[in-house]
mmCIF file of all heavy atoms, coordinates in Angstrom:
data_MODEL
# 
_entry.id   MODEL 
# 
loop_
_atom_site.group_PDB 
_atom_site.id 
_atom_site.type_symbol 
_atom_site.label_atom_id 
_atom_site.label_alt_id 
_atom_site.label_comp_id 
_atom_site.label_asym_id 
_atom_site.label_entity_id 
_atom_site.label_seq_id 
_atom_site.pdbx_PDB_ins_code 
_atom_site.Cartn_x 
_atom_site.Cartn_y 
_atom_site.Cartn_z 
_atom_site.occupancy 
_atom_site.B_iso_or_equiv 
_atom_site.pdbx_formal_charge 
_atom_site.auth_seq_id 
_atom_site.auth_comp_id 
_atom_site.auth_asym_id 
_atom_site.auth_atom_id 
_atom_site.pdbx_PDB_model_num 
ATOM 1   N N   . VAL A 1 1  ? 4.211   11.554  -5.305  1.00 0.00 ? 1  VAL A N   1 
ATOM 2   C CA  . VAL A 1 1  ? 4.617   12.631  -4.396  1.00 0.00 ? 1  VAL A CA  1 
ATOM 3   C C   . VAL A 1 1  ? 3.381   13.352  -3.876  1.00 0.00 ? 1  VAL A C   1 
ATOM 4   O O   . VAL A 1 1  ? 3.283   13.652  -2.676  1.00 0.00 ? 1  VAL A O   1 
ATOM 5   C CB  . VAL A 1 1  ? 5.594   13.606  -5.097  1.00 0.00 ? 1  VAL A CB  1 
ATOM 6   C CG1 . VAL A 1 1  ? 5.753   14.892  -4.301  1.00 0.00 ? 1  VAL A CG1 1 
ATOM 7   C CG2 . VAL A 1 1  ? 6.942   12.942  -5.314  1.00 0.00 ? 1  VAL A CG2 1 
ATOM 8   N N   . ALA A 1 2  ? 2.425   13.609  -4.753  1.00 0.00 ? 2  ALA A N   1 
ATOM 9   C CA  . ALA A 1 2  ? 1.203   14.315  -4.343  1.00 0.00 ? 2  ALA A CA  1 
ATOM 10  C C   . ALA A 1 2  ? 0.439   13.530  -3.273  1.00 0.00 ? 2  ALA A C   1 
ATOM 11  O O   . ALA A 1 2  ? 0.043   14.107  -2.256  1.00 0.00 ? 2  ALA A O   1 
ATOM 12  C CB  . ALA A 1 2  ? 0.310   14.573  -5.550  1.00 0.00 ? 2  ALA A CB  1 
ATOM 13  N N   . ILE A 1 3  ? 0.255   12.234  -3.482  1.00 0.00 ? 3  ILE A N   1 
ATOM 14  C CA  . ILE A 1 3  ? -0.509  11.484  -2.479  1.00 0.00 ? 3  ILE A CA  1 
ATOM 15  C C   . ILE A 1 3  ? 0.303   11.260  -1.205  1.00 0.00 ? 3  ILE A C   1 
ATOM 16  O O   . ILE A 1 3  ? -0.260  11.161  -0.121  1.00 0.00 ? 3  ILE A O   1 
ATOM 17  C CB  . ILE A 1 3  ? -1.082  10.152  -3.029  1.00 0.00 ? 3  ILE A CB  1 
ATOM 18  C CG1 . ILE A 1 3  ? 0.000   9.189   -3.490  1.00 0.00 ? 3  ILE A CG1 1 
ATOM 19  C CG2 . ILE A 1 3  ? -2.093  10.414  -4.114  1.00 0.00 ? 3  ILE A CG2 1 
ATOM 20  C CD1 . ILE A 1 3  ? -0.509  7.818   -3.896  1.00 0.00 ? 3  ILE A CD1 1 
ATOM 21  N N   . ALA A 1 4  ? 1.625   11.210  -1.316  1.00 0.00 ? 4  ALA A N   1 
ATOM 22  C CA  . ALA A 1 4  ? 2.461   11.039  -0.119  1.00 0.00 ? 4  ALA A CA  1 
ATOM 23  C C   . ALA A 1 4  ? 2.476   12.306  0.723   1.00 0.00 ? 4  ALA A C   1 
ATOM 24  O O   . ALA A 1 4  ? 2.541   12.234  1.952   1.00 0.00 ? 4  ALA A O   1 
ATOM 25  C CB  . ALA A 1 4  ? 3.880   10.654  -0.511  1.00 0.00 ? 4  ALA A CB  1 
ATOM 26  N N   . VAL A 1 5  ? 2.400   13.462  0.086   1.00 0.00 ? 5  VAL A N   1 
ATOM 27  C CA  . VAL A 1 5  ? 2.375   14.723  0.820   1.00 0.00 ? 5  VAL A CA  1 
ATOM 28  C C   . VAL A 1 5  ? 1.115   14.819  1.675   1.00 0.00 ? 5  VAL A C   1 
ATOM 29  O O   . VAL A 1 5  ? 1.161   15.300  2.811   1.00 0.00 ? 5  VAL A O   1 
ATOM 30  C CB  . VAL A 1 5  ? 2.473   15.921  -0.156  1.00 0.00 ? 5  VAL A CB  1 
ATOM 31  C CG1 . VAL A 1 5  ? 2.084   17.231  0.518   1.00 0.00 ? 5  VAL A CG1 1 
ATOM 32  C CG2 . VAL A 1 5  ? 3.876   16.011  -0.723  1.00 0.00 ? 5  VAL A CG2 1 
ATOM 33  N N   . PHE A 1 6  ? -0.004  14.354  1.144   1.00 0.00 ? 6  PHE A N   1 
ATOM 34  C CA  . PHE A 1 6  ? -1.265  14.461  1.871   1.00 0.00 ? 6  PHE A CA  1 
ATOM 35  C C   . PHE A 1 6  ? -1.456  13.349  2.908   1.00 0.00 ? 6  PHE A C   1 
ATOM 36  O O   . PHE A 1 6  ? -2.291  13.486  3.797   1.00 0.00 ? 6  PHE A O   1 
ATOM 37  C CB  . PHE A 1 6  ? -2.448  14.471  0.892   1.00 0.00 ? 6  PHE A CB  1 
ATOM 38  C CG  . PHE A 1 6  ? -2.508  15.741  0.090   1.00 0.00 ? 6  PHE A CG  1 
ATOM 39  C CD1 . PHE A 1 6  ? -2.251  15.721  -1.272  1.00 0.00 ? 6  PHE A CD1 1 
ATOM 40  C CD2 . PHE A 1 6  ? -2.786  16.948  0.698   1.00 0.00 ? 6  PHE A CD2 1 
ATOM 41  C CE1 . PHE A 1 6  ? -2.298  16.890  -2.022  1.00 0.00 ? 6  PHE A CE1 1 
ATOM 42  C CE2 . PHE A 1 6  ? -2.832  18.124  -0.041  1.00 0.00 ? 6  PHE A CE2 1 
ATOM 43  C CZ  . PHE A 1 6  ? -2.577  18.098  -1.403  1.00 0.00 ? 6  PHE A CZ  1 
ATOM 44  N N   . ALA A 1 7  ? -0.711  12.271  2.798   1.00 0.00 ? 7  ALA A N   1 
ATOM 45  C CA  . ALA A 1 7  ? -0.842  11.177  3.773   1.00 0.00 ? 7  ALA A CA  1 
ATOM 46  C C   . ALA A 1 7  ? 0.518   10.512  3.984   1.00 0.00 ? 7  ALA A C   1 
ATOM 47  O O   . ALA A 1 7  ? 0.737   9.373   3.570   1.00 0.00 ? 7  ALA A O   1 
ATOM 48  C CB  . ALA A 1 7  ? -1.865  10.165  3.284   1.00 0.00 ? 7  ALA A CB  1 
ATOM 49  N N   . PRO A 1 8  ? 1.453   11.214  4.636   1.00 0.00 ? 8  PRO A N   1 
ATOM 50  C CA  . PRO A 1 8  ? 2.804   10.654  4.780   1.00 0.00 ? 8  PRO A CA  1 
ATOM 51  C C   . PRO A 1 8  ? 2.859   9.363   5.605   1.00 0.00 ? 8  PRO A C   1 
ATOM 52  O O   . PRO A 1 8  ? 3.686   8.504   5.332   1.00 0.00 ? 8  PRO A O   1 
ATOM 53  C CB  . PRO A 1 8  ? 3.589   11.777  5.459   1.00 0.00 ? 8  PRO A CB  1 
ATOM 54  C CG  . PRO A 1 8  ? 2.584   12.700  6.024   1.00 0.00 ? 8  PRO A CG  1 
ATOM 55  C CD  . PRO A 1 8  ? 1.321   12.530  5.222   1.00 0.00 ? 8  PRO A CD  1 
ATOM 56  N N   . LYS A 1 9  ? 1.996   9.226   6.592   1.00 0.00 ? 9  LYS A N   1 
ATOM 57  C CA  . LYS A 1 9  ? 2.014   7.999   7.404   1.00 0.00 ? 9  LYS A CA  1 
ATOM 58  C C   . LYS A 1 9  ? 1.581   6.797   6.571   1.00 0.00 ? 9  LYS A C   1 
ATOM 59  O O   . LYS A 1 9  ? 2.144   5.711   6.696   1.00 0.00 ? 9  LYS A O   1 
ATOM 60  C CB  . LYS A 1 9  ? 1.124   8.150   8.633   1.00 0.00 ? 9  LYS A CB  1 
ATOM 61  C CG  . LYS A 1 9  ? 1.704   9.075   9.665   1.00 0.00 ? 9  LYS A CG  1 
ATOM 62  C CD  . LYS A 1 9  ? 0.854   9.133   10.899  1.00 0.00 ? 9  LYS A CD  1 
ATOM 63  C CE  . LYS A 1 9  ? 1.449   10.111  11.891  1.00 0.00 ? 9  LYS A CE  1 
ATOM 64  N NZ  . LYS A 1 9  ? 0.645   10.245  13.097  1.00 0.00 ? 9  LYS A NZ  1 
ATOM 65  N N   . GLU A 1 10 ? 0.565   6.983   5.726   1.00 0.00 ? 10 GLU A N   1 
ATOM 66  C CA  . GLU A 1 10 ? 0.112   5.892   4.848   1.00 0.00 ? 10 GLU A CA  1 
ATOM 67  C C   . GLU A 1 10 ? 1.196   5.514   3.857   1.00 0.00 ? 10 GLU A C   1 
ATOM 68  O O   . GLU A 1 10 ? 1.362   4.350   3.521   1.00 0.00 ? 10 GLU A O   1 
ATOM 69  C CB  . GLU A 1 10 ? -1.145  6.310   4.070   1.00 0.00 ? 10 GLU A CB  1 
ATOM 70  C CG  . GLU A 1 10 ? -2.431  6.166   4.804   1.00 0.00 ? 10 GLU A CG  1 
ATOM 71  C CD  . GLU A 1 10 ? -3.615  6.431   3.879   1.00 0.00 ? 10 GLU A CD  1 
ATOM 72  O OE1 . GLU A 1 10 ? -3.522  6.151   2.665   1.00 0.00 ? 10 GLU A OE1 1 
ATOM 73  O OE2 . GLU A 1 10 ? -4.620  6.924   4.382   1.00 0.00 ? 10 GLU A OE2 1 
ATOM 74  N N   . ALA A 1 11 ? 1.918   6.506   3.357   1.00 0.00 ? 11 ALA A N   1 
ATOM 75  C CA  . ALA A 1 11 ? 2.936   6.252   2.340   1.00 0.00 ? 11 ALA A CA  1 
ATOM 76  C C   . ALA A 1 11 ? 4.058   5.366   2.869   1.00 0.00 ? 11 ALA A C   1 
ATOM 77  O O   . ALA A 1 11 ? 4.633   4.579   2.123   1.00 0.00 ? 11 ALA A O   1 
ATOM 78  C CB  . ALA A 1 11 ? 3.504   7.572   1.836   1.00 0.00 ? 11 ALA A CB  1 
ATOM 79  N N   . ASN A 1 12 ? 4.360   5.505   4.156   1.00 0.00 ? 12 ASN A N   1 
ATOM 80  C CA  . ASN A 1 12 ? 5.457   4.727   4.742   1.00 0.00 ? 12 ASN A CA  1 
ATOM 81  C C   . ASN A 1 12 ? 4.993   3.426   5.389   1.00 0.00 ? 12 ASN A C   1 
ATOM 82  O O   . ASN A 1 12 ? 5.817   2.661   5.860   1.00 0.00 ? 12 ASN A O   1 
ATOM 83  C CB  . ASN A 1 12 ? 6.198   5.577   5.774   1.00 0.00 ? 12 ASN A CB  1 
ATOM 84  C CG  . ASN A 1 12 ? 6.962   6.702   5.128   1.00 0.00 ? 12 ASN A CG  1 
ATOM 85  O OD1 . ASN A 1 12 ? 7.468   6.551   4.018   1.00 0.00 ? 12 ASN A OD1 1 
ATOM 86  N ND2 . ASN A 1 12 ? 7.034   7.841   5.798   1.00 0.00 ? 12 ASN A ND2 1 
ATOM 87  N N   . ALA A 1 13 ? 3.704   3.192   5.429   1.00 0.00 ? 13 ALA A N   1 
ATOM 88  C CA  . ALA A 1 13 ? 3.183   1.984   6.083   1.00 0.00 ? 13 ALA A CA  1 
ATOM 89  C C   . ALA A 1 13 ? 3.500   0.751   5.246   1.00 0.00 ? 13 ALA A C   1 
ATOM 90  O O   . ALA A 1 13 ? 3.465   0.783   4.013   1.00 0.00 ? 13 ALA A O   1 
ATOM 91  C CB  . ALA A 1 13 ? 1.676   2.106   6.286   1.00 0.00 ? 13 ALA A CB  1 
ATOM 92  N N   . SER A 1 14 ? 3.800   -0.329  5.933   1.00 0.00 ? 14 SER A N   1 
ATOM 93  C CA  . SER A 1 14 ? 4.046   -1.583  5.210   1.00 0.00 ? 14 SER A CA  1 
ATOM 94  C C   . SER A 1 14 ? 2.703   -2.238  4.882   1.00 0.00 ? 14 SER A C   1 
ATOM 95  O O   . SER A 1 14 ? 1.676   -1.913  5.467   1.00 0.00 ? 14 SER A O   1 
ATOM 96  C CB  . SER A 1 14 ? 4.916   -2.522  6.041   1.00 0.00 ? 14 SER A CB  1 
ATOM 97  O OG  . SER A 1 14 ? 4.270   -2.808  7.264   1.00 0.00 ? 14 SER A OG  1 
ATOM 98  N N   . LEU A 1 15 ? 2.747   -3.167  3.942   1.00 0.00 ? 15 LEU A N   1 
ATOM 99  C CA  . LEU A 1 15 ? 1.530   -3.854  3.530   1.00 0.00 ? 15 LEU A CA  1 
ATOM 100 C C   . LEU A 1 15 ? 1.042   -4.779  4.644   1.00 0.00 ? 15 LEU A C   1 
ATOM 101 O O   . LEU A 1 15 ? 1.840   -5.483  5.256   1.00 0.00 ? 15 LEU A O   1 
ATOM 102 C CB  . LEU A 1 15 ? 1.784   -4.683  2.273   1.00 0.00 ? 15 LEU A CB  1 
ATOM 103 C CG  . LEU A 1 15 ? 2.183   -3.930  1.008   1.00 0.00 ? 15 LEU A CG  1 
ATOM 104 C CD1 . LEU A 1 15 ? 2.451   -4.926  -0.117  1.00 0.00 ? 15 LEU A CD1 1 
ATOM 105 C CD2 . LEU A 1 15 ? 1.129   -2.940  0.595   1.00 0.00 ? 15 LEU A CD2 1 
ATOM 106 N N   . ASP A 1 16 ? -0.260  -4.769  4.860   1.00 0.00 ? 16 ASP A N   1 
ATOM 107 C CA  . ASP A 1 16 ? -0.813  -5.717  5.823   1.00 0.00 ? 16 ASP A CA  1 
ATOM 108 C C   . ASP A 1 16 ? -1.142  -7.022  5.091   1.00 0.00 ? 16 ASP A C   1 
ATOM 109 O O   . ASP A 1 16 ? -0.947  -7.147  3.879   1.00 0.00 ? 16 ASP A O   1 
ATOM 110 C CB  . ASP A 1 16 ? -2.029  -5.141  6.552   1.00 0.00 ? 16 ASP A CB  1 
ATOM 111 C CG  . ASP A 1 16 ? -3.189  -4.810  5.628   1.00 0.00 ? 16 ASP A CG  1 
ATOM 112 O OD1 . ASP A 1 16 ? -3.225  -5.294  4.479   1.00 0.00 ? 16 ASP A OD1 1 
ATOM 113 O OD2 . ASP A 1 16 ? -4.084  -4.062  6.071   1.00 0.00 ? 16 ASP A OD2 1 
ATOM 114 N N   . GLU A 1 17 ? -1.658  -8.002  5.826   1.00 0.00 ? 17 GLU A N   1 
ATOM 115 C CA  . GLU A 1 17 ? -1.943  -9.325  5.248   1.00 0.00 ? 17 GLU A CA  1 
ATOM 116 C C   . GLU A 1 17 ? -2.950  -9.229  4.102   1.00 0.00 ? 17 GLU A C   1 
ATOM 117 O O   . GLU A 1 17 ? -2.794  -9.886  3.070   1.00 0.00 ? 17 GLU A O   1 
ATOM 118 C CB  . GLU A 1 17 ? -2.462  -10.263 6.339   1.00 0.00 ? 17 GLU A CB  1 
ATOM 119 C CG  . GLU A 1 17 ? -2.671  -11.684 5.860   1.00 0.00 ? 17 GLU A CG  1 
ATOM 120 C CD  . GLU A 1 17 ? -1.392  -12.343 5.370   1.00 0.00 ? 17 GLU A CD  1 
ATOM 121 O OE1 . GLU A 1 17 ? -0.312  -12.064 5.904   1.00 0.00 ? 17 GLU A OE1 1 
ATOM 122 O OE2 . GLU A 1 17 ? -1.474  -13.149 4.427   1.00 0.00 ? 17 GLU A OE2 1 
ATOM 123 N N   . ARG A 1 18 ? -3.983  -8.422  4.275   1.00 0.00 ? 18 ARG A N   1 
ATOM 124 C CA  . ARG A 1 18 ? -5.007  -8.265  3.242   1.00 0.00 ? 18 ARG A CA  1 
ATOM 125 C C   . ARG A 1 18 ? -4.400  -7.668  1.972   1.00 0.00 ? 18 ARG A C   1 
ATOM 126 O O   . ARG A 1 18 ? -4.674  -8.130  0.860   1.00 0.00 ? 18 ARG A O   1 
ATOM 127 C CB  . ARG A 1 18 ? -6.130  -7.365  3.761   1.00 0.00 ? 18 ARG A CB  1 
ATOM 128 C CG  . ARG A 1 18 ? -7.204  -7.084  2.741   1.00 0.00 ? 18 ARG A CG  1 
ATOM 129 C CD  . ARG A 1 18 ? -8.313  -6.221  3.370   1.00 0.00 ? 18 ARG A CD  1 
ATOM 130 N NE  . ARG A 1 18 ? -9.276  -5.857  2.380   1.00 0.00 ? 18 ARG A NE  1 
ATOM 131 C CZ  . ARG A 1 18 ? -9.333  -4.667  1.791   1.00 0.00 ? 18 ARG A CZ  1 
ATOM 132 N NH1 . ARG A 1 18 ? -8.488  -3.720  2.121   1.00 0.00 ? 18 ARG A NH1 1 
ATOM 133 N NH2 . ARG A 1 18 ? -10.244 -4.414  0.882   1.00 0.00 ? 18 ARG A NH2 1 
ATOM 134 N N   . GLU A 1 19 ? -3.555  -6.658  2.133   1.00 0.00 ? 19 GLU A N   1 
ATOM 135 C CA  . GLU A 1 19 ? -2.938  -6.021  0.973   1.00 0.00 ? 19 GLU A CA  1 
ATOM 136 C C   . GLU A 1 19 ? -1.959  -6.962  0.268   1.00 0.00 ? 19 GLU A C   1 
ATOM 137 O O   . GLU A 1 19 ? -1.888  -6.969  -0.971  1.00 0.00 ? 19 GLU A O   1 
ATOM 138 C CB  . GLU A 1 19 ? -2.236  -4.728  1.386   1.00 0.00 ? 19 GLU A CB  1 
ATOM 139 C CG  . GLU A 1 19 ? -3.208  -3.628  1.755   1.00 0.00 ? 19 GLU A CG  1 
ATOM 140 C CD  . GLU A 1 19 ? -2.515  -2.376  2.254   1.00 0.00 ? 19 GLU A CD  1 
ATOM 141 O OE1 . GLU A 1 19 ? -1.498  -2.496  2.974   1.00 0.00 ? 19 GLU A OE1 1 
ATOM 142 O OE2 . GLU A 1 19 ? -3.004  -1.297  1.914   1.00 0.00 ? 19 GLU A OE2 1 
ATOM 143 N N   . ARG A 1 20 ? -1.235  -7.743  1.027   1.00 0.00 ? 20 ARG A N   1 
ATOM 144 C CA  . ARG A 1 20 ? -0.336  -8.729  0.391   1.00 0.00 ? 20 ARG A CA  1 
ATOM 145 C C   . ARG A 1 20 ? -1.133  -9.720  -0.451  1.00 0.00 ? 20 ARG A C   1 
ATOM 146 O O   . ARG A 1 20 ? -0.718  -10.106 -1.545  1.00 0.00 ? 20 ARG A O   1 
ATOM 147 C CB  . ARG A 1 20 ? 0.500   -9.446  1.445   1.00 0.00 ? 20 ARG A CB  1 
ATOM 148 C CG  . ARG A 1 20 ? 1.657   -8.607  1.956   1.00 0.00 ? 20 ARG A CG  1 
ATOM 149 C CD  . ARG A 1 20 ? 2.659   -9.440  2.734   1.00 0.00 ? 20 ARG A CD  1 
ATOM 150 N NE  . ARG A 1 20 ? 2.150   -9.869  4.021   1.00 0.00 ? 20 ARG A NE  1 
ATOM 151 C CZ  . ARG A 1 20 ? 2.207   -9.166  5.137   1.00 0.00 ? 20 ARG A CZ  1 
ATOM 152 N NH1 . ARG A 1 20 ? 2.744   -7.966  5.118   1.00 0.00 ? 20 ARG A NH1 1 
ATOM 153 N NH2 . ARG A 1 20 ? 1.730   -9.644  6.275   1.00 0.00 ? 20 ARG A NH2 1 
ATOM 154 N N   . MET A 1 21 ? -2.305  -10.139 0.049   1.00 0.00 ? 21 MET A N   1 
ATOM 155 C CA  . MET A 1 21 ? -3.166  -11.057 -0.702  1.00 0.00 ? 21 MET A CA  1 
ATOM 156 C C   . MET A 1 21 ? -3.698  -10.377 -1.964  1.00 0.00 ? 21 MET A C   1 
ATOM 157 O O   . MET A 1 21 ? -3.745  -10.986 -3.034  1.00 0.00 ? 21 MET A O   1 
ATOM 158 C CB  . MET A 1 21 ? -4.329  -11.534 0.174   1.00 0.00 ? 21 MET A CB  1 
ATOM 159 C CG  . MET A 1 21 ? -5.236  -12.522 -0.516  1.00 0.00 ? 21 MET A CG  1 
ATOM 160 S SD  . MET A 1 21 ? -4.414  -14.057 -0.962  1.00 0.00 ? 21 MET A SD  1 
ATOM 161 C CE  . MET A 1 21 ? -4.345  -14.842 0.609   1.00 0.00 ? 21 MET A CE  1 
ATOM 162 N N   . ILE A 1 22 ? -4.076  -9.111  -1.853  1.00 0.00 ? 22 ILE A N   1 
ATOM 163 C CA  . ILE A 1 22 ? -4.555  -8.363  -3.009  1.00 0.00 ? 22 ILE A CA  1 
ATOM 164 C C   . ILE A 1 22 ? -3.464  -8.279  -4.068  1.00 0.00 ? 22 ILE A C   1 
ATOM 165 O O   . ILE A 1 22 ? -3.704  -8.523  -5.256  1.00 0.00 ? 22 ILE A O   1 
ATOM 166 C CB  . ILE A 1 22 ? -5.031  -6.960  -2.582  1.00 0.00 ? 22 ILE A CB  1 
ATOM 167 C CG1 . ILE A 1 22 ? -6.368  -7.064  -1.834  1.00 0.00 ? 22 ILE A CG1 1 
ATOM 168 C CG2 . ILE A 1 22 ? -5.146  -6.014  -3.776  1.00 0.00 ? 22 ILE A CG2 1 
ATOM 169 C CD1 . ILE A 1 22 ? -6.830  -5.775  -1.186  1.00 0.00 ? 22 ILE A CD1 1 
ATOM 170 N N   . PHE A 1 23 ? -2.251  -7.944  -3.658  1.00 0.00 ? 23 PHE A N   1 
ATOM 171 C CA  . PHE A 1 23 ? -1.146  -7.834  -4.608  1.00 0.00 ? 23 PHE A CA  1 
ATOM 172 C C   . PHE A 1 23 ? -0.869  -9.178  -5.284  1.00 0.00 ? 23 PHE A C   1 
ATOM 173 O O   . PHE A 1 23 ? -0.610  -9.235  -6.486  1.00 0.00 ? 23 PHE A O   1 
ATOM 174 C CB  . PHE A 1 23 ? 0.110   -7.321  -3.899  1.00 0.00 ? 23 PHE A CB  1 
ATOM 175 C CG  . PHE A 1 23 ? 0.170   -5.833  -3.764  1.00 0.00 ? 23 PHE A CG  1 
ATOM 176 C CD1 . PHE A 1 23 ? -0.858  -5.117  -3.186  1.00 0.00 ? 23 PHE A CD1 1 
ATOM 177 C CD2 . PHE A 1 23 ? 1.275   -5.134  -4.216  1.00 0.00 ? 23 PHE A CD2 1 
ATOM 178 C CE1 . PHE A 1 23 ? -0.807  -3.747  -3.054  1.00 0.00 ? 23 PHE A CE1 1 
ATOM 179 C CE2 . PHE A 1 23 ? 1.342   -3.760  -4.096  1.00 0.00 ? 23 PHE A CE2 1 
ATOM 180 C CZ  . PHE A 1 23 ? 0.306   -3.062  -3.515  1.00 0.00 ? 23 PHE A CZ  1 
ATOM 181 N N   . ALA A 1 24 ? -0.904  -10.254 -4.510  1.00 0.00 ? 24 ALA A N   1 
ATOM 182 C CA  . ALA A 1 24 ? -0.629  -11.578 -5.073  1.00 0.00 ? 24 ALA A CA  1 
ATOM 183 C C   . ALA A 1 24 ? -1.702  -11.972 -6.086  1.00 0.00 ? 24 ALA A C   1 
ATOM 184 O O   . ALA A 1 24 ? -1.380  -12.455 -7.179  1.00 0.00 ? 24 ALA A O   1 
ATOM 185 C CB  . ALA A 1 24 ? -0.545  -12.614 -3.962  1.00 0.00 ? 24 ALA A CB  1 
ATOM 186 N N   . ARG A 1 25 ? -2.964  -11.782 -5.738  1.00 0.00 ? 25 ARG A N   1 
ATOM 187 C CA  . ARG A 1 25 ? -4.052  -12.166 -6.652  1.00 0.00 ? 25 ARG A CA  1 
ATOM 188 C C   . ARG A 1 25 ? -4.047  -11.297 -7.908  1.00 0.00 ? 25 ARG A C   1 
ATOM 189 O O   . ARG A 1 25 ? -4.254  -11.806 -9.014  1.00 0.00 ? 25 ARG A O   1 
ATOM 190 C CB  . ARG A 1 25 ? -5.401  -12.069 -5.935  1.00 0.00 ? 25 ARG A CB  1 
ATOM 191 C CG  . ARG A 1 25 ? -5.567  -13.162 -4.892  1.00 0.00 ? 25 ARG A CG  1 
ATOM 192 C CD  . ARG A 1 25 ? -6.897  -13.108 -4.212  1.00 0.00 ? 25 ARG A CD  1 
ATOM 193 N NE  . ARG A 1 25 ? -7.966  -13.475 -5.126  1.00 0.00 ? 25 ARG A NE  1 
ATOM 194 C CZ  . ARG A 1 25 ? -9.245  -13.358 -4.836  1.00 0.00 ? 25 ARG A CZ  1 
ATOM 195 N NH1 . ARG A 1 25 ? -9.632  -12.900 -3.660  1.00 0.00 ? 25 ARG A NH1 1 
ATOM 196 N NH2 . ARG A 1 25 ? -10.157 -13.715 -5.720  1.00 0.00 ? 25 ARG A NH2 1 
ATOM 197 N N   . ALA A 1 26 ? -3.820  -9.999  -7.738  1.00 0.00 ? 26 ALA A N   1 
ATOM 198 C CA  . ALA A 1 26 ? -3.784  -9.102  -8.895  1.00 0.00 ? 26 ALA A CA  1 
ATOM 199 C C   . ALA A 1 26 ? -2.614  -9.443  -9.815  1.00 0.00 ? 26 ALA A C   1 
ATOM 200 O O   . ALA A 1 26 ? -2.751  -9.453  -11.039 1.00 0.00 ? 26 ALA A O   1 
ATOM 201 C CB  . ALA A 1 26 ? -3.707  -7.651  -8.437  1.00 0.00 ? 26 ALA A CB  1 
ATOM 202 N N   . GLY A 1 27 ? -1.462  -9.734  -9.231  1.00 0.00 ? 27 GLY A N   1 
ATOM 203 C CA  . GLY A 1 27 ? -0.294  -10.112 -10.031 1.00 0.00 ? 27 GLY A CA  1 
ATOM 204 C C   . GLY A 1 27 ? -0.499  -11.417 -10.771 1.00 0.00 ? 27 GLY A C   1 
ATOM 205 O O   . GLY A 1 27 ? -0.074  -11.565 -11.923 1.00 0.00 ? 27 GLY A O   1 
ATOM 206 N N   . ASN A 1 28 ? -1.155  -12.359 -10.131 1.00 0.00 ? 28 ASN A N   1 
ATOM 207 C CA  . ASN A 1 28 ? -1.457  -13.632 -10.770 1.00 0.00 ? 28 ASN A CA  1 
ATOM 208 C C   . ASN A 1 28 ? -2.368  -13.413 -11.982 1.00 0.00 ? 28 ASN A C   1 
ATOM 209 O O   . ASN A 1 28 ? -2.131  -13.960 -13.059 1.00 0.00 ? 28 ASN A O   1 
ATOM 210 C CB  . ASN A 1 28 ? -2.112  -14.567 -9.752  1.00 0.00 ? 28 ASN A CB  1 
ATOM 211 C CG  . ASN A 1 28 ? -2.297  -15.962 -10.276 1.00 0.00 ? 28 ASN A CG  1 
ATOM 212 O OD1 . ASN A 1 28 ? -1.410  -16.492 -10.931 1.00 0.00 ? 28 ASN A OD1 1 
ATOM 213 N ND2 . ASN A 1 28 ? -3.434  -16.557 -9.992  1.00 0.00 ? 28 ASN A ND2 1 
# 
């Protein structure tokens, strides 16, 4: 909630291609 209050647009943004790759590699 604290970080969403300070950056509401970022909080609602969908993951881009780079972030999806980061999530996949980190999860692996």
